[in-house]
């Protein structure tokens, strides 16, 4: 099971940190061990580190309207999203 890092910018880090959307959305895709990170020098830059059982399912989901809605709810700036997969 690969570990994945997703980093991106957000409008409001406190709202992003408090949001239940990560667990709701990624939990249904079999993603586990989700951890959040914030750049202390620029708190609009955040990241998630997670274990992904089915990378194809997650990447397919990221192309859906439901993913766009979840990111909008969390205040994610989608153009800044970078996904790194454990090599």
N, C-alpha and C. Protein backbone atom coordinates (compact mmCIF):
# COMPACT_ATOMS: atom_id res chain seq x y z
N UNK A 1 0.85 -1.18 0.00
CA UNK A 1 0.00 0.00 0.00
C UNK A 1 0.90 1.24 0.00
N UNK A 2 0.84 2.04 -1.06
CA UNK A 2 1.70 3.22 -1.11
C UNK A 2 1.25 4.33 -0.16
N UNK A 3 2.22 5.07 0.31
CA UNK A 3 1.94 6.29 1.05
C UNK A 3 1.94 7.43 0.05
N UNK A 4 0.97 8.32 0.19
CA UNK A 4 0.79 9.42 -0.75
C UNK A 4 0.79 10.73 0.01
N UNK A 5 1.41 11.74 -0.60
CA UNK A 5 1.36 13.10 -0.08
C UNK A 5 0.61 13.95 -1.10
N UNK A 6 -0.35 14.70 -0.61
CA UNK A 6 -1.02 15.69 -1.45
C UNK A 6 -0.80 17.04 -0.81
N UNK A 7 -0.21 17.97 -1.55
CA UNK A 7 -0.05 19.31 -0.98
C UNK A 7 -0.69 20.33 -1.89
N UNK A 8 -1.20 21.39 -1.25
CA UNK A 8 -1.94 22.42 -1.98
C UNK A 8 -2.12 23.64 -1.09
N UNK A 9 -2.62 24.69 -1.68
CA UNK A 9 -2.93 25.90 -0.93
C UNK A 9 -4.41 25.89 -0.56
N UNK A 10 -4.72 26.57 0.53
CA UNK A 10 -6.10 26.69 1.00
C UNK A 10 -6.40 28.16 1.33
N UNK A 11 -7.68 28.47 1.34
CA UNK A 11 -8.12 29.83 1.67
C UNK A 11 -8.00 30.09 3.17
N UNK A 12 -8.31 29.07 3.99
CA UNK A 12 -8.36 29.24 5.44
C UNK A 12 -7.91 27.93 6.09
N UNK A 13 -6.72 27.92 6.66
CA UNK A 13 -6.17 26.67 7.21
C UNK A 13 -6.99 26.15 8.39
N UNK A 14 -7.56 27.02 9.20
CA UNK A 14 -8.35 26.56 10.33
C UNK A 14 -9.60 25.82 9.87
N UNK A 15 -10.26 26.36 8.85
CA UNK A 15 -11.43 25.68 8.28
C UNK A 15 -11.01 24.35 7.68
N UNK A 16 -9.90 24.34 6.94
CA UNK A 16 -9.41 23.12 6.30
C UNK A 16 -9.09 22.05 7.35
N UNK A 17 -8.39 22.45 8.42
CA UNK A 17 -8.04 21.49 9.46
C UNK A 17 -9.27 20.91 10.16
N UNK A 18 -10.30 21.72 10.35
CA UNK A 18 -11.50 21.29 11.07
C UNK A 18 -12.47 20.49 10.18
N UNK A 19 -12.29 20.52 8.90
CA UNK A 19 -13.24 19.90 7.98
C UNK A 19 -13.29 18.39 8.12
N UNK A 20 -14.50 17.82 8.08
CA UNK A 20 -14.65 16.36 8.10
C UNK A 20 -14.55 15.73 6.71
N UNK A 21 -14.41 16.53 5.68
CA UNK A 21 -14.47 16.03 4.30
C UNK A 21 -13.37 15.02 3.97
N UNK A 22 -12.17 15.21 4.46
CA UNK A 22 -11.09 14.26 4.13
C UNK A 22 -11.47 12.84 4.52
N UNK A 23 -11.91 12.69 5.78
CA UNK A 23 -12.29 11.37 6.27
C UNK A 23 -13.51 10.84 5.53
N UNK A 24 -14.49 11.70 5.29
CA UNK A 24 -15.71 11.29 4.60
C UNK A 24 -15.41 10.78 3.19
N UNK A 25 -14.64 11.56 2.45
CA UNK A 25 -14.38 11.25 1.04
C UNK A 25 -13.36 10.13 0.89
N UNK A 26 -12.21 10.31 1.49
CA UNK A 26 -11.14 9.33 1.30
C UNK A 26 -11.42 8.03 2.04
N UNK A 27 -12.15 8.08 3.14
CA UNK A 27 -12.48 6.87 3.87
C UNK A 27 -13.29 5.89 3.03
N UNK A 28 -14.20 6.42 2.21
CA UNK A 28 -15.00 5.55 1.35
C UNK A 28 -14.17 4.92 0.24
N UNK A 29 -12.98 5.45 -0.01
CA UNK A 29 -12.08 4.91 -1.05
C UNK A 29 -11.02 3.99 -0.47
N UNK A 30 -11.13 3.68 0.82
CA UNK A 30 -10.17 2.77 1.45
C UNK A 30 -8.87 3.44 1.86
N UNK A 31 -8.85 4.76 1.89
CA UNK A 31 -7.66 5.49 2.33
C UNK A 31 -7.62 5.48 3.85
N UNK A 32 -6.44 5.23 4.41
CA UNK A 32 -6.29 5.16 5.87
C UNK A 32 -5.12 6.00 6.32
N UNK A 33 -5.04 6.18 7.64
CA UNK A 33 -3.91 6.85 8.28
C UNK A 33 -3.68 8.25 7.72
N UNK A 34 -4.75 9.02 7.59
CA UNK A 34 -4.67 10.38 7.04
C UNK A 34 -4.11 11.32 8.10
N UNK A 35 -3.04 12.00 7.74
CA UNK A 35 -2.41 12.97 8.63
C UNK A 35 -2.31 14.32 7.93
N UNK A 36 -2.50 15.41 8.67
CA UNK A 36 -2.48 16.75 8.09
C UNK A 36 -1.25 17.53 8.53
N UNK A 37 -0.81 18.41 7.64
CA UNK A 37 0.38 19.23 7.89
C UNK A 37 0.13 20.65 7.41
N UNK A 38 0.75 21.61 8.11
CA UNK A 38 0.64 23.02 7.75
C UNK A 38 2.04 23.62 7.72
N UNK A 39 2.31 24.40 6.69
CA UNK A 39 3.56 25.15 6.61
C UNK A 39 3.50 26.27 7.64
N UNK A 40 4.36 26.23 8.65
CA UNK A 40 4.31 27.24 9.72
C UNK A 40 4.70 28.63 9.24
N UNK A 41 5.45 28.70 8.15
CA UNK A 41 5.85 30.01 7.63
C UNK A 41 4.84 30.58 6.65
N UNK A 42 3.97 29.72 6.12
CA UNK A 42 2.90 30.16 5.22
C UNK A 42 1.71 29.22 5.44
N UNK A 43 0.84 29.53 6.40
CA UNK A 43 -0.23 28.62 6.79
C UNK A 43 -1.28 28.37 5.72
N UNK A 44 -1.20 29.03 4.57
CA UNK A 44 -2.12 28.70 3.48
C UNK A 44 -1.61 27.50 2.68
N UNK A 45 -0.41 27.03 2.98
CA UNK A 45 0.15 25.84 2.33
C UNK A 45 0.01 24.66 3.27
N UNK A 46 -0.72 23.64 2.81
CA UNK A 46 -1.01 22.49 3.65
C UNK A 46 -0.75 21.20 2.89
N UNK A 47 -0.77 20.09 3.63
CA UNK A 47 -0.56 18.79 3.00
C UNK A 47 -1.28 17.71 3.78
N UNK A 48 -1.56 16.62 3.08
CA UNK A 48 -2.06 15.40 3.71
C UNK A 48 -1.11 14.27 3.35
N UNK A 49 -0.89 13.40 4.30
CA UNK A 49 -0.10 12.19 4.12
C UNK A 49 -1.04 11.04 4.43
N UNK A 50 -1.14 10.06 3.53
CA UNK A 50 -2.12 9.00 3.73
C UNK A 50 -1.70 7.72 3.04
N UNK A 51 -2.25 6.62 3.51
CA UNK A 51 -2.01 5.31 2.92
C UNK A 51 -3.17 5.01 1.98
N UNK A 52 -2.84 4.69 0.74
CA UNK A 52 -3.86 4.51 -0.30
C UNK A 52 -3.84 3.07 -0.80
N UNK A 53 -4.93 2.36 -0.57
CA UNK A 53 -5.02 0.96 -1.00
C UNK A 53 -5.19 0.83 -2.51
N UNK A 54 -5.94 1.75 -3.13
CA UNK A 54 -6.23 1.66 -4.56
C UNK A 54 -6.00 3.03 -5.19
N UNK A 55 -4.79 3.24 -5.68
CA UNK A 55 -4.42 4.53 -6.25
C UNK A 55 -5.27 4.87 -7.47
N UNK A 56 -5.60 3.87 -8.29
CA UNK A 56 -6.44 4.13 -9.47
C UNK A 56 -7.80 4.67 -9.07
N UNK A 57 -8.39 4.12 -8.01
CA UNK A 57 -9.69 4.58 -7.54
C UNK A 57 -9.62 6.02 -7.05
N UNK A 58 -8.55 6.34 -6.32
CA UNK A 58 -8.39 7.71 -5.81
C UNK A 58 -8.20 8.69 -6.96
N UNK A 59 -7.35 8.34 -7.92
CA UNK A 59 -7.10 9.25 -9.04
C UNK A 59 -8.35 9.42 -9.91
N UNK A 60 -9.13 8.36 -10.08
CA UNK A 60 -10.38 8.48 -10.83
C UNK A 60 -11.36 9.39 -10.08
N UNK A 61 -11.42 9.22 -8.76
CA UNK A 61 -12.31 10.06 -7.96
C UNK A 61 -11.92 11.54 -8.08
N UNK A 62 -10.62 11.82 -8.12
CA UNK A 62 -10.16 13.21 -8.16
C UNK A 62 -10.64 13.95 -9.41
N UNK A 63 -11.11 13.22 -10.41
CA UNK A 63 -11.61 13.83 -11.64
C UNK A 63 -13.11 14.07 -11.62
N UNK A 64 -13.77 13.76 -10.51
CA UNK A 64 -15.23 13.85 -10.44
C UNK A 64 -15.71 15.18 -9.88
N UNK A 65 -16.98 15.44 -10.11
CA UNK A 65 -17.62 16.63 -9.54
C UNK A 65 -17.66 16.54 -8.02
N UNK A 66 -17.81 15.35 -7.48
CA UNK A 66 -17.83 15.17 -6.02
C UNK A 66 -16.49 15.60 -5.41
N UNK A 67 -15.39 15.30 -6.08
CA UNK A 67 -14.07 15.73 -5.60
C UNK A 67 -13.96 17.24 -5.66
N UNK A 68 -14.43 17.83 -6.74
CA UNK A 68 -14.40 19.29 -6.88
C UNK A 68 -15.23 19.96 -5.78
N UNK A 69 -16.38 19.37 -5.47
CA UNK A 69 -17.23 19.92 -4.41
C UNK A 69 -16.57 19.80 -3.05
N UNK A 70 -15.92 18.67 -2.78
CA UNK A 70 -15.23 18.48 -1.50
C UNK A 70 -14.08 19.47 -1.35
N UNK A 71 -13.33 19.67 -2.43
CA UNK A 71 -12.22 20.64 -2.38
C UNK A 71 -12.75 22.05 -2.18
N UNK A 72 -13.85 22.39 -2.85
CA UNK A 72 -14.44 23.72 -2.68
C UNK A 72 -14.91 23.92 -1.25
N UNK A 73 -15.54 22.90 -0.67
CA UNK A 73 -16.00 22.98 0.72
C UNK A 73 -14.81 23.23 1.66
N UNK A 74 -13.70 22.57 1.39
CA UNK A 74 -12.51 22.70 2.24
C UNK A 74 -11.71 23.96 1.97
N UNK A 75 -12.04 24.69 0.91
CA UNK A 75 -11.30 25.90 0.58
C UNK A 75 -9.99 25.61 -0.12
N UNK A 76 -9.88 24.44 -0.75
CA UNK A 76 -8.67 24.07 -1.49
C UNK A 76 -8.62 24.84 -2.80
N UNK A 77 -7.45 25.35 -3.13
CA UNK A 77 -7.24 25.98 -4.44
C UNK A 77 -6.75 24.88 -5.39
N UNK A 78 -7.65 24.32 -6.21
CA UNK A 78 -7.34 23.10 -6.96
C UNK A 78 -6.15 23.22 -7.91
N UNK A 79 -5.89 24.39 -8.43
CA UNK A 79 -4.76 24.56 -9.35
C UNK A 79 -3.41 24.37 -8.67
N UNK A 80 -3.40 24.36 -7.34
CA UNK A 80 -2.14 24.23 -6.61
C UNK A 80 -1.88 22.79 -6.16
N UNK A 81 -2.81 21.89 -6.41
CA UNK A 81 -2.71 20.51 -5.93
C UNK A 81 -1.57 19.74 -6.62
N UNK A 82 -0.72 19.15 -5.80
CA UNK A 82 0.36 18.27 -6.27
C UNK A 82 0.24 16.98 -5.48
N UNK A 83 0.26 15.85 -6.20
CA UNK A 83 0.18 14.54 -5.55
C UNK A 83 1.50 13.80 -5.77
N UNK A 84 2.09 13.35 -4.67
CA UNK A 84 3.33 12.60 -4.70
C UNK A 84 3.07 11.20 -4.18
N UNK A 85 3.56 10.20 -4.91
CA UNK A 85 3.35 8.81 -4.53
C UNK A 85 4.69 8.19 -4.13
N UNK A 86 4.67 7.47 -3.03
CA UNK A 86 5.86 6.81 -2.53
C UNK A 86 6.49 5.95 -3.63
N UNK A 87 7.78 6.13 -3.82
CA UNK A 87 8.49 5.38 -4.88
C UNK A 87 9.11 4.11 -4.33
